[in-house]
C-alpha cells in the first residue's frame, strides 16, 4: 500500500510539473511573440482614400476591362450589326478583335486602329441623335450585365465622398457618355468623331483617345476643373494607361495585364483584381463566360481573319 501511495504521489507530482512546464512554455511563447510584435517597425498607414469633402480630388476610370468586361466598341458593333448597319464580314472582324483582347488580356494598337476605322466607316452619314438613341438600347442589351461590381463600388465610393468621377476611354464619347450617365458618374472623356450639321463625317477630331492622349485629356480636364492631380485617383487594367496612372497621386491597377501588374508592384501601386479563377486572373476572361463558346467564336474569327490575308 505504501508503495502504491508513493507511486500515485510521484505521478501527481509529475503531472503538476508537466502542467507548470506547459503553462510556462505558453507564457514564454506569448511573451516572445509580443516582444517581436513590439520590435517590428510599424507599417506605414495607408492613406484613406477617397477623402470625404476634398473638392480638389476626383477619380478617373478606364472603361474596357476596368469598369466593363470586354471592349465597348465590340459591344457597340454587335448592336449595330443587329440593326443591319453592316454585314457579317465586319462582324467577324469585330469578333476577332474582341477575342484577341479577352484571350491575350492586352490591347493591340493595330486592332484598336482597325476597330476605330471600322466604326467610323459604319457611322459615316448617320445622325448623331440616331446613334445616341441606339447607344442607349445597346447599353441595355450588351453592356449593363458586363459591369464589374467591384469597380462600380470603387467609383461609388468616390461619389459618396463628394468627388467627381470621370470615364476616360478610347470608345466614342457618345457611347462613353451613355455609360457614365447610366452608372451615375460625372461624365466621360472619349474619342470625338467629327460631325457637321449633326451628321457624322467619318473622320475624327484629333486622334483616338488612347495611351498618352488619355493622360493629356486628364491633365486638361484637371486644369479646367481646378483639381490637384496629386490628390486624384486613376484606375485602369492596361499598361497602355501608365501615362494616365502616373499623373495622379493615387494610381490603381484593376484587373491588370501582365505589364501593368509588374509596373504596379515595382512602384507600390495598389492592385485590385475582380476576376475569378487562376486562368481568368491570368488572361482576363470572366468566369461566367463559357470557355468553349468563347473558344469557338475565337476560332471562327481567326479563320475569317486568316482568309482575309
C-alpha atoms as a PDB file:
ATOM      1  CA  UNK A   1       0.000   0.000   0.000  1.00  0.00           C
ATOM      2  CA  UNK A   2       2.819   2.336   0.906  1.00  0.00           C
ATOM      3  CA  UNK A   3       4.474   1.674  -2.431  1.00  0.00           C
ATOM      4  CA  UNK A   4       1.216   2.374  -4.293  1.00  0.00           C
ATOM      5  CA  UNK A   5       0.706   5.618  -2.388  1.00  0.00           C
ATOM      6  CA  UNK A   6       4.245   6.673  -3.173  1.00  0.00           C
ATOM      7  CA  UNK A   7       3.765   5.893  -6.888  1.00  0.00           C
ATOM      8  CA  UNK A   8       0.481   7.828  -7.006  1.00  0.00           C
ATOM      9  CA  UNK A   9       2.145  10.777  -5.318  1.00  0.00           C
ATOM     10  CA  UNK A  10       5.002  10.715  -7.830  1.00  0.00           C
ATOM     11  CA  UNK A  11       2.560  10.635 -10.749  1.00  0.00           C
ATOM     12  CA  UNK A  12       0.655  13.609  -9.349  1.00  0.00           C
ATOM     13  CA  UNK A  13       3.901  15.469  -8.880  1.00  0.00           C
ATOM     14  CA  UNK A  14       4.986  14.681 -12.428  1.00  0.00           C
ATOM     15  CA  UNK A  15       1.604  15.771 -13.766  1.00  0.00           C
ATOM     16  CA  UNK A  16       1.817  19.020 -11.822  1.00  0.00           C
ATOM     17  CA  UNK A  17       5.295  19.643 -13.188  1.00  0.00           C
ATOM     18  CA  UNK A  18       4.054  18.943 -16.725  1.00  0.00           C
ATOM     19  CA  UNK A  19       1.201  21.400 -16.246  1.00  0.00           C
ATOM     20  CA  UNK A  20       3.581  24.050 -14.911  1.00  0.00           C
ATOM     21  CA  UNK A  21       6.004  23.375 -17.799  1.00  0.00           C
ATOM     22  CA  UNK A  22       3.212  23.695 -20.317  1.00  0.00           C
ATOM     23  CA  UNK A  23       1.929  26.915 -18.778  1.00  0.00           C
ATOM     24  CA  UNK A  24       5.447  28.327 -18.624  1.00  0.00           C
ATOM     25  CA  UNK A  25       6.085  27.431 -22.266  1.00  0.00           C
ATOM     26  CA  UNK A  26       2.820  29.008 -23.350  1.00  0.00           C
ATOM     27  CA  UNK A  27       3.551  32.153 -21.361  1.00  0.00           C
ATOM     28  CA  UNK A  28       7.073  32.355 -22.782  1.00  0.00           C
ATOM     29  CA  UNK A  29       5.728  31.931 -26.312  1.00  0.00           C
ATOM     30  CA  UNK A  30       3.161  34.684 -25.830  1.00  0.00           C
ATOM     31  CA  UNK A  31       5.791  36.980 -24.312  1.00  0.00           C
ATOM     32  CA  UNK A  32       8.215  36.286 -27.152  1.00  0.00           C
ATOM     33  CA  UNK A  33       5.553  36.932 -29.777  1.00  0.00           C
ATOM     34  CA  UNK A  34       4.568  40.162 -28.046  1.00  0.00           C
ATOM     35  CA  UNK A  35       8.193  41.315 -27.921  1.00  0.00           C
ATOM     36  CA  UNK A  36       8.646  40.530 -31.623  1.00  0.00           C
ATOM     37  CA  UNK A  37       5.481  42.418 -32.453  1.00  0.00           C
ATOM     38  CA  UNK A  38       6.626  45.427 -30.452  1.00  0.00           C
ATOM     39  CA  UNK A  39      10.078  45.300 -32.063  1.00  0.00           C
ATOM     40  CA  UNK A  40       8.641  45.122 -35.588  1.00  0.00           C
ATOM     41  CA  UNK A  41       8.724  48.519 -37.310  1.00  0.00           C
ATOM     42  CA  UNK A  42       5.218  49.897 -37.740  1.00  0.00           C
ATOM     43  CA  UNK A  43       3.770  49.516 -41.231  1.00  0.00           C
ATOM     44  CA  UNK A  44       3.099  52.826 -42.921  1.00  0.00           C
ATOM     45  CA  UNK A  45      -0.563  53.654 -42.647  1.00  0.00           C
ATOM     46  CA  UNK A  46      -2.396  53.558 -45.968  1.00  0.00           C
ATOM     47  CA  UNK A  47      -3.793  56.965 -46.748  1.00  0.00           C
ATOM     48  CA  UNK A  48      -7.546  56.918 -46.506  1.00  0.00           C
ATOM     49  CA  UNK A  49      -8.892  57.417 -49.994  1.00  0.00           C
ATOM     50  CA  UNK A  50     -11.187  58.783 -51.194  1.00  0.00           C
ATOM     51  CA  UNK A  51     -11.116  61.670 -48.755  1.00  0.00           C
ATOM     52  CA  UNK A  52     -14.567  62.979 -47.918  1.00  0.00           C
ATOM     53  CA  UNK A  53     -15.087  66.621 -48.746  1.00  0.00           C
ATOM     54  CA  UNK A  54     -11.919  67.091 -50.818  1.00  0.00           C
ATOM     55  CA  UNK A  55     -13.241  69.265 -53.637  1.00  0.00           C
ATOM     56  CA  UNK A  56      -9.891  69.251 -55.422  1.00  0.00           C
ATOM     57  CA  UNK A  57      -9.823  65.448 -55.751  1.00  0.00           C
ATOM     58  CA  UNK A  58     -11.511  63.385 -58.452  1.00  0.00           C
ATOM     59  CA  UNK A  59     -11.289  59.877 -59.892  1.00  0.00           C
ATOM     60  CA  UNK A  60     -10.595  58.785 -63.467  1.00  0.00           C
ATOM     61  CA  UNK A  61     -11.632  55.308 -64.622  1.00  0.00           C
ATOM     62  CA  UNK A  62     -10.658  53.480 -67.789  1.00  0.00           C
ATOM     63  CA  UNK A  63     -13.614  51.618 -69.306  1.00  0.00           C
ATOM     64  CA  UNK A  64     -12.640  48.436 -71.195  1.00  0.00           C
ATOM     65  CA  UNK A  65     -11.904  45.570 -68.779  1.00  0.00           C
ATOM     66  CA  UNK A  66     -11.683  48.047 -65.894  1.00  0.00           C
ATOM     67  CA  UNK A  67     -15.316  49.004 -65.380  1.00  0.00           C
ATOM     68  CA  UNK A  68     -16.754  46.726 -68.049  1.00  0.00           C
ATOM     69  CA  UNK A  69     -15.826  43.222 -69.189  1.00  0.00           C
ATOM     70  CA  UNK A  70     -14.578  43.356 -72.758  1.00  0.00           C
ATOM     71  CA  UNK A  71     -14.353  46.255 -75.188  1.00  0.00           C
ATOM     72  CA  UNK A  72     -17.123  48.843 -75.531  1.00  0.00           C
ATOM     73  CA  UNK A  73     -16.518  49.208 -79.275  1.00  0.00           C
ATOM     74  CA  UNK A  74     -17.106  45.486 -79.788  1.00  0.00           C
ATOM     75  CA  UNK A  75     -20.410  45.539 -77.892  1.00  0.00           C
ATOM     76  CA  UNK A  76     -21.435  48.668 -79.788  1.00  0.00           C
ATOM     77  CA  UNK A  77     -20.559  46.914 -83.053  1.00  0.00           C
ATOM     78  CA  UNK A  78     -22.696  43.914 -82.100  1.00  0.00           C
ATOM     79  CA  UNK A  79     -25.638  46.234 -81.550  1.00  0.00           C
ATOM     80  CA  UNK A  80     -25.140  47.957 -84.886  1.00  0.00           C
ATOM     81  CA  UNK A  81     -24.887  44.587 -86.658  1.00  0.00           C
ATOM     82  CA  UNK A  82     -28.187  43.540 -85.105  1.00  0.00           C
ATOM     83  CA  UNK A  83     -29.680  46.700 -86.606  1.00  0.00           C
ATOM     84  CA  UNK A  84     -28.232  45.930 -90.063  1.00  0.00           C
ATOM     85  CA  UNK A  85     -25.674  48.736 -90.116  1.00  0.00           C
ATOM     86  CA  UNK A  86     -23.128  46.342 -91.632  1.00  0.00           C
ATOM     87  CA  UNK A  87     -22.640  42.719 -92.679  1.00  0.00           C
ATOM     88  CA  UNK A  88     -21.073  39.513 -91.395  1.00  0.00           C
ATOM     89  CA  UNK A  89     -17.621  40.365 -92.718  1.00  0.00           C
ATOM     90  CA  UNK A  90     -17.340  43.377 -90.420  1.00  0.00           C
ATOM     91  CA  UNK A  91     -18.882  41.427 -87.546  1.00  0.00           C
ATOM     92  CA  UNK A  92     -16.205  38.752 -87.934  1.00  0.00           C
ATOM     93  CA  UNK A  93     -13.538  41.449 -87.710  1.00  0.00           C
ATOM     94  CA  UNK A  94     -15.104  42.826 -84.536  1.00  0.00           C
ATOM     95  CA  UNK A  95     -15.296  39.288 -83.105  1.00  0.00           C
ATOM     96  CA  UNK A  96     -11.610  38.664 -83.870  1.00  0.00           C
ATOM     97  CA  UNK A  97     -10.589  41.889 -82.162  1.00  0.00           C
ATOM     98  CA  UNK A  98     -12.698  41.096 -79.092  1.00  0.00           C
ATOM     99  CA  UNK A  99     -11.432  37.501 -78.901  1.00  0.00           C
ATOM    100  CA  UNK A 100      -7.824  38.733 -79.052  1.00  0.00           C
ATOM    101  CA  UNK A 101      -8.481  41.345 -76.384  1.00  0.00           C
ATOM    102  CA  UNK A 102     -10.015  38.854 -73.978  1.00  0.00           C
ATOM    103  CA  UNK A 103      -7.696  35.898 -74.647  1.00  0.00           C
ATOM    104  CA  UNK A 104      -4.467  37.882 -74.656  1.00  0.00           C
ATOM    105  CA  UNK A 105      -5.593  40.321 -71.965  1.00  0.00           C
ATOM    106  CA  UNK A 106      -3.869  43.198 -73.780  1.00  0.00           C
ATOM    107  CA  UNK A 107      -4.856  45.981 -76.123  1.00  0.00           C
ATOM    108  CA  UNK A 108      -3.289  45.653 -79.567  1.00  0.00           C
ATOM    109  CA  UNK A 109      -2.785  49.089 -81.207  1.00  0.00           C
ATOM    110  CA  UNK A 110      -3.331  47.602 -84.672  1.00  0.00           C
ATOM    111  CA  UNK A 111      -6.665  46.096 -83.635  1.00  0.00           C
ATOM    112  CA  UNK A 112      -7.705  49.343 -81.955  1.00  0.00           C
ATOM    113  CA  UNK A 113      -6.879  51.270 -85.125  1.00  0.00           C
ATOM    114  CA  UNK A 114      -8.829  48.751 -87.197  1.00  0.00           C
ATOM    115  CA  UNK A 115     -11.814  48.967 -84.856  1.00  0.00           C
ATOM    116  CA  UNK A 116     -11.700  52.749 -84.994  1.00  0.00           C
ATOM    117  CA  UNK A 117     -11.675  52.800 -88.790  1.00  0.00           C
ATOM    118  CA  UNK A 118     -14.476  50.241 -88.920  1.00  0.00           C
ATOM    119  CA  UNK A 119     -16.729  52.209 -86.592  1.00  0.00           C
ATOM    120  CA  UNK A 120     -16.047  55.488 -88.419  1.00  0.00           C
ATOM    121  CA  UNK A 121     -16.922  53.972 -91.796  1.00  0.00           C
ATOM    122  CA  UNK A 122     -20.073  52.402 -90.360  1.00  0.00           C
ATOM    123  CA  UNK A 123     -21.440  55.572 -88.730  1.00  0.00           C
ATOM    124  CA  UNK A 124     -20.499  57.900 -91.594  1.00  0.00           C
ATOM    125  CA  UNK A 125     -23.617  59.676 -92.880  1.00  0.00           C
ATOM    126  CA  UNK A 126     -25.726  58.797 -89.825  1.00  0.00           C
ATOM    127  CA  UNK A 127     -27.090  61.412 -87.464  1.00  0.00           C
ATOM    128  CA  UNK A 128     -25.545  61.794 -84.018  1.00  0.00           C
ATOM    129  CA  UNK A 129     -29.003  61.751 -82.406  1.00  0.00           C
ATOM    130  CA  UNK A 130     -29.786  58.431 -84.105  1.00  0.00           C
ATOM    131  CA  UNK A 131     -26.617  56.803 -82.756  1.00  0.00           C
ATOM    132  CA  UNK A 132     -27.253  58.190 -79.264  1.00  0.00           C
ATOM    133  CA  UNK A 133     -30.710  56.596 -79.205  1.00  0.00           C
ATOM    134  CA  UNK A 134     -29.329  53.291 -80.464  1.00  0.00           C
ATOM    135  CA  UNK A 135     -26.477  53.516 -77.955  1.00  0.00           C
ATOM    136  CA  UNK A 136     -28.961  53.604 -75.076  1.00  0.00           C
ATOM    137  CA  UNK A 137     -30.536  50.398 -76.380  1.00  0.00           C
ATOM    138  CA  UNK A 138     -27.172  48.717 -76.904  1.00  0.00           C
ATOM    139  CA  UNK A 139     -26.154  49.519 -73.330  1.00  0.00           C
ATOM    140  CA  UNK A 140     -29.203  47.658 -72.027  1.00  0.00           C
ATOM    141  CA  UNK A 141     -28.713  44.738 -74.421  1.00  0.00           C
ATOM    142  CA  UNK A 142     -24.972  44.077 -74.129  1.00  0.00           C
ATOM    143  CA  UNK A 143     -23.203  46.288 -71.608  1.00  0.00           C
ATOM    144  CA  UNK A 144     -25.247  46.611 -68.405  1.00  0.00           C
ATOM    145  CA  UNK A 145     -24.691  42.992 -67.349  1.00  0.00           C
ATOM    146  CA  UNK A 146     -20.943  43.272 -68.000  1.00  0.00           C
ATOM    147  CA  UNK A 147     -20.188  45.998 -65.457  1.00  0.00           C
ATOM    148  CA  UNK A 148     -17.689  44.779 -62.820  1.00  0.00           C
ATOM    149  CA  UNK A 149     -19.450  45.164 -59.434  1.00  0.00           C
ATOM    150  CA  UNK A 150     -16.127  45.689 -57.634  1.00  0.00           C
ATOM    151  CA  UNK A 151     -15.018  48.564 -59.836  1.00  0.00           C
ATOM    152  CA  UNK A 152     -18.507  50.017 -59.765  1.00  0.00           C
ATOM    153  CA  UNK A 153     -18.290  50.064 -55.958  1.00  0.00           C
ATOM    154  CA  UNK A 154     -14.948  51.904 -56.135  1.00  0.00           C
ATOM    155  CA  UNK A 155     -16.483  54.574 -58.341  1.00  0.00           C
ATOM    156  CA  UNK A 156     -19.428  54.882 -55.971  1.00  0.00           C
ATOM    157  CA  UNK A 157     -17.071  55.361 -53.017  1.00  0.00           C
ATOM    158  CA  UNK A 158     -15.634  58.428 -54.729  1.00  0.00           C
ATOM    159  CA  UNK A 159     -19.111  59.728 -55.488  1.00  0.00           C
ATOM    160  CA  UNK A 160     -20.183  59.152 -51.878  1.00  0.00           C
ATOM    161  CA  UNK A 161     -17.153  61.173 -50.774  1.00  0.00           C
ATOM    162  CA  UNK A 162     -18.439  64.081 -52.820  1.00  0.00           C
ATOM    163  CA  UNK A 163     -15.880  63.703 -55.611  1.00  0.00           C
ATOM    164  CA  UNK A 164     -16.399  63.797 -59.358  1.00  0.00           C
ATOM    165  CA  UNK A 165     -15.821  60.573 -61.281  1.00  0.00           C
ATOM    166  CA  UNK A 166     -14.932  60.513 -64.973  1.00  0.00           C
ATOM    167  CA  UNK A 167     -14.655  57.734 -67.536  1.00  0.00           C
ATOM    168  CA  UNK A 168     -11.558  58.024 -69.748  1.00  0.00           C
ATOM    169  CA  UNK A 169     -11.735  55.757 -72.776  1.00  0.00           C
ATOM    170  CA  UNK A 170     -10.852  55.279 -76.433  1.00  0.00           C
ATOM    171  CA  UNK A 171     -14.501  54.437 -77.069  1.00  0.00           C
ATOM    172  CA  UNK A 172     -16.636  57.062 -78.853  1.00  0.00           C
ATOM    173  CA  UNK A 173     -17.506  59.872 -76.478  1.00  0.00           C
ATOM    174  CA  UNK A 174     -21.220  59.341 -77.164  1.00  0.00           C
ATOM    175  CA  UNK A 175     -21.004  55.707 -76.005  1.00  0.00           C
ATOM    176  CA  UNK A 176     -18.851  56.680 -73.016  1.00  0.00           C
ATOM    177  CA  UNK A 177     -21.302  59.412 -72.037  1.00  0.00           C
ATOM    178  CA  UNK A 178     -24.217  56.977 -72.083  1.00  0.00           C
ATOM    179  CA  UNK A 179     -22.329  54.522 -69.841  1.00  0.00           C
ATOM    180  CA  UNK A 180     -21.267  57.292 -67.449  1.00  0.00           C
ATOM    181  CA  UNK A 181     -24.824  58.555 -67.164  1.00  0.00           C
ATOM    182  CA  UNK A 182     -26.239  55.069 -66.600  1.00  0.00           C
ATOM    183  CA  UNK A 183     -23.721  54.484 -63.806  1.00  0.00           C
ATOM    184  CA  UNK A 184     -24.408  57.862 -62.227  1.00  0.00           C
ATOM    185  CA  UNK A 185     -20.889  59.141 -62.912  1.00  0.00           C
ATOM    186  CA  UNK A 186     -19.980  62.763 -63.554  1.00  0.00           C
ATOM    187  CA  UNK A 187     -19.115  62.443 -67.236  1.00  0.00           C
ATOM    188  CA  UNK A 188     -16.787  60.920 -69.794  1.00  0.00           C
ATOM    189  CA  UNK A 189     -13.701  61.674 -71.833  1.00  0.00           C
ATOM    190  CA  UNK A 190     -13.756  59.716 -75.092  1.00  0.00           C
ATOM    191  CA  UNK A 191     -12.775  59.740 -78.733  1.00  0.00           C
ATOM    192  CA  UNK A 192     -14.568  62.526 -80.599  1.00  0.00           C
ATOM    193  CA  UNK A 193     -15.885  61.775 -84.104  1.00  0.00           C
ATOM    194  CA  UNK A 194     -16.370  64.761 -86.373  1.00  0.00           C
ATOM    195  CA  UNK A 195     -19.929  65.755 -87.243  1.00  0.00           C
ATOM    196  CA  UNK A 196     -21.283  68.538 -89.435  1.00  0.00           C
ATOM    197  CA  UNK A 197     -24.884  69.585 -89.023  1.00  0.00           C
ATOM    198  CA  UNK A 198     -25.428  66.703 -86.617  1.00  0.00           C
ATOM    199  CA  UNK A 199     -24.209  64.112 -89.178  1.00  0.00           C
ATOM    200  CA  UNK A 200     -21.013  62.051 -88.820  1.00  0.00           C
ATOM    201  CA  UNK A 201     -18.374  62.726 -91.490  1.00  0.00           C
ATOM    202  CA  UNK A 202     -16.350  59.538 -90.950  1.00  0.00           C
ATOM    203  CA  UNK A 203     -13.376  61.467 -89.530  1.00  0.00           C
ATOM    204  CA  UNK A 204     -12.016  62.072 -86.041  1.00  0.00           C
ATOM    205  CA  UNK A 205     -11.444  65.345 -84.243  1.00  0.00           C
ATOM    206  CA  UNK A 206      -7.788  64.880 -83.393  1.00  0.00           C
ATOM    207  CA  UNK A 207      -6.885  61.246 -82.728  1.00  0.00           C
ATOM    208  CA  UNK A 208      -8.050  58.195 -80.818  1.00  0.00           C
ATOM    209  CA  UNK A 209      -8.082  58.850 -77.064  1.00  0.00           C
ATOM    210  CA  UNK A 210      -5.583  56.127 -76.214  1.00  0.00           C
ATOM    211  CA  UNK A 211      -2.329  55.851 -74.259  1.00  0.00           C
ATOM    212  CA  UNK A 212      -0.630  59.246 -73.819  1.00  0.00           C
ATOM    213  CA  UNK A 213      -3.703  61.006 -75.235  1.00  0.00           C
ATOM    214  CA  UNK A 214      -5.661  59.898 -72.159  1.00  0.00           C
ATOM    215  CA  UNK A 215      -3.082  61.497 -69.883  1.00  0.00           C
ATOM    216  CA  UNK A 216      -3.322  64.748 -71.848  1.00  0.00           C
ATOM    217  CA  UNK A 217      -7.122  64.687 -71.577  1.00  0.00           C
ATOM    218  CA  UNK A 218      -6.969  64.137 -67.815  1.00  0.00           C
ATOM    219  CA  UNK A 219      -4.395  66.913 -67.447  1.00  0.00           C
ATOM    220  CA  UNK A 220      -6.559  69.332 -69.435  1.00  0.00           C
ATOM    221  CA  UNK A 221      -9.720  68.452 -67.512  1.00  0.00           C
ATOM    222  CA  UNK A 222      -7.938  68.779 -64.162  1.00  0.00           C
ATOM    223  CA  UNK A 223      -6.731  72.254 -65.111  1.00  0.00           C
ATOM    224  CA  UNK A 224     -10.217  73.298 -66.210  1.00  0.00           C
ATOM    225  CA  UNK A 225     -11.831  71.869 -63.065  1.00  0.00           C
ATOM    226  CA  UNK A 226      -9.206  73.211 -60.644  1.00  0.00           C
ATOM    227  CA  UNK A 227      -8.192  69.727 -59.497  1.00  0.00           C
ATOM    228  CA  UNK A 228      -4.955  68.806 -57.740  1.00  0.00           C
ATOM    229  CA  UNK A 229      -3.730  65.706 -59.560  1.00  0.00           C
ATOM    230  CA  UNK A 230      -1.680  64.635 -56.533  1.00  0.00           C
ATOM    231  CA  UNK A 231      -4.990  64.255 -54.674  1.00  0.00           C
ATOM    232  CA  UNK A 232      -6.747  62.454 -57.546  1.00  0.00           C
ATOM    233  CA  UNK A 233      -7.061  58.746 -58.277  1.00  0.00           C
ATOM    234  CA  UNK A 234      -6.979  56.768 -61.520  1.00  0.00           C
ATOM    235  CA  UNK A 235      -7.936  53.169 -62.304  1.00  0.00           C
ATOM    236  CA  UNK A 236      -7.006  51.025 -65.309  1.00  0.00           C
ATOM    237  CA  UNK A 237      -6.289  47.455 -66.411  1.00  0.00           C
ATOM    238  CA  UNK A 238      -3.798  48.240 -69.158  1.00  0.00           C
ATOM    239  CA  UNK A 239      -0.125  49.155 -69.311  1.00  0.00           C
ATOM    240  CA  UNK A 240      -1.136  51.500 -72.125  1.00  0.00           C
ATOM    241  CA  UNK A 241      -2.610  53.717 -69.406  1.00  0.00           C
ATOM    242  CA  UNK A 242       0.589  54.036 -67.349  1.00  0.00           C
ATOM    243  CA  UNK A 243       0.899  57.685 -68.509  1.00  0.00           C
ATOM    244  CA  UNK A 244      -2.545  58.451 -67.072  1.00  0.00           C
ATOM    245  CA  UNK A 245      -1.951  56.453 -63.889  1.00  0.00           C
ATOM    246  CA  UNK A 246       1.401  58.171 -63.346  1.00  0.00           C
ATOM    247  CA  UNK A 247      -0.261  61.580 -63.392  1.00  0.00           C
ATOM    248  CA  UNK A 248      -2.207  61.093 -60.160  1.00  0.00           C
ATOM    249  CA  UNK A 249      -1.267  60.632 -56.535  1.00  0.00           C
ATOM    250  CA  UNK A 250      -3.434  57.517 -56.131  1.00  0.00           C
ATOM    251  CA  UNK A 251      -2.948  55.119 -59.083  1.00  0.00           C
ATOM    252  CA  UNK A 252      -4.729  51.753 -59.028  1.00  0.00           C
ATOM    253  CA  UNK A 253      -4.241  48.730 -61.288  1.00  0.00           C
ATOM    254  CA  UNK A 254      -7.597  46.971 -61.741  1.00  0.00           C
ATOM    255  CA  UNK A 255      -7.723  43.518 -63.411  1.00  0.00           C
ATOM    256  CA  UNK A 256      -4.222  44.352 -64.672  1.00  0.00           C
ATOM    257  CA  UNK A 257      -2.452  42.886 -67.665  1.00  0.00           C
ATOM    258  CA  UNK A 258       0.991  41.377 -67.008  1.00  0.00           C
ATOM    259  CA  UNK A 259       2.960  44.541 -67.821  1.00  0.00           C
ATOM    260  CA  UNK A 260       0.812  46.766 -65.640  1.00  0.00           C
ATOM    261  CA  UNK A 261       0.913  44.269 -62.766  1.00  0.00           C
ATOM    262  CA  UNK A 262       4.726  44.294 -62.836  1.00  0.00           C
ATOM    263  CA  UNK A 263       4.834  48.071 -63.068  1.00  0.00           C
ATOM    264  CA  UNK A 264       2.373  48.428 -60.189  1.00  0.00           C
ATOM    265  CA  UNK A 265       4.428  46.131 -57.951  1.00  0.00           C
ATOM    266  CA  UNK A 266       7.642  47.960 -58.790  1.00  0.00           C
ATOM    267  CA  UNK A 267       6.112  51.337 -57.966  1.00  0.00           C
ATOM    268  CA  UNK A 268       3.994  50.348 -54.981  1.00  0.00           C
ATOM    269  CA  UNK A 269       0.659  50.959 -56.696  1.00  0.00           C
ATOM    270  CA  UNK A 270      -2.419  49.247 -55.364  1.00  0.00           C
ATOM    271  CA  UNK A 271      -3.705  46.262 -57.318  1.00  0.00           C
ATOM    272  CA  UNK A 272      -7.303  45.078 -57.355  1.00  0.00           C
ATOM    273  CA  UNK A 273      -8.429  42.029 -59.330  1.00  0.00           C
ATOM    274  CA  UNK A 274     -12.121  41.235 -59.629  1.00  0.00           C
ATOM    275  CA  UNK A 275     -11.678  38.294 -61.991  1.00  0.00           C
ATOM    276  CA  UNK A 276     -12.104  34.809 -60.531  1.00  0.00           C
ATOM    277  CA  UNK A 277     -10.082  31.665 -61.140  1.00  0.00           C
ATOM    278  CA  UNK A 278      -6.366  31.340 -61.957  1.00  0.00           C
ATOM    279  CA  UNK A 279      -6.875  31.334 -65.701  1.00  0.00           C
ATOM    280  CA  UNK A 280      -9.282  34.248 -65.578  1.00  0.00           C
ATOM    281  CA  UNK A 281      -6.814  36.219 -63.489  1.00  0.00           C
ATOM    282  CA  UNK A 282      -4.061  35.471 -65.986  1.00  0.00           C
ATOM    283  CA  UNK A 283      -5.821  36.230 -69.263  1.00  0.00           C
ATOM    284  CA  UNK A 284      -8.768  38.357 -68.271  1.00  0.00           C
ATOM    285  CA  UNK A 285     -11.680  36.032 -69.068  1.00  0.00           C
ATOM    286  CA  UNK A 286     -14.641  36.412 -66.672  1.00  0.00           C
ATOM    287  CA  UNK A 287     -15.502  33.125 -65.010  1.00  0.00           C
ATOM    288  CA  UNK A 288     -19.135  33.478 -66.094  1.00  0.00           C
ATOM    289  CA  UNK A 289     -18.136  33.200 -69.768  1.00  0.00           C
ATOM    290  CA  UNK A 290     -18.129  29.673 -71.194  1.00  0.00           C
ATOM    291  CA  UNK A 291     -14.627  28.909 -72.427  1.00  0.00           C
ATOM    292  CA  UNK A 292     -15.986  26.570 -75.061  1.00  0.00           C
ATOM    293  CA  UNK A 293     -18.250  29.205 -76.570  1.00  0.00           C
ATOM    294  CA  UNK A 294     -15.521  31.818 -76.489  1.00  0.00           C
ATOM    295  CA  UNK A 295     -13.006  29.414 -77.965  1.00  0.00           C
ATOM    296  CA  UNK A 296     -15.401  28.572 -80.799  1.00  0.00           C
ATOM    297  CA  UNK A 297     -16.010  32.231 -81.558  1.00  0.00           C
ATOM    298  CA  UNK A 298     -12.295  32.916 -81.497  1.00  0.00           C
ATOM    299  CA  UNK A 299     -11.593  30.008 -83.839  1.00  0.00           C
ATOM    300  CA  UNK A 300     -14.197  31.208 -86.340  1.00  0.00           C
ATOM    301  CA  UNK A 301     -12.920  34.773 -86.108  1.00  0.00           C
ATOM    302  CA  UNK A 302      -9.331  33.582 -86.556  1.00  0.00           C
ATOM    303  CA  UNK A 303     -10.276  31.568 -89.629  1.00  0.00           C
ATOM    304  CA  UNK A 304     -12.013  34.559 -91.204  1.00  0.00           C
ATOM    305  CA  UNK A 305      -9.080  36.781 -90.269  1.00  0.00           C
ATOM    306  CA  UNK A 306      -6.627  34.412 -91.990  1.00  0.00           C
ATOM    307  CA  UNK A 307      -8.755  34.173 -95.147  1.00  0.00           C
ATOM    308  CA  UNK A 308      -8.709  37.958 -95.431  1.00  0.00           C
ATOM    309  CA  UNK A 309      -4.901  37.971 -95.606  1.00  0.00           C
END
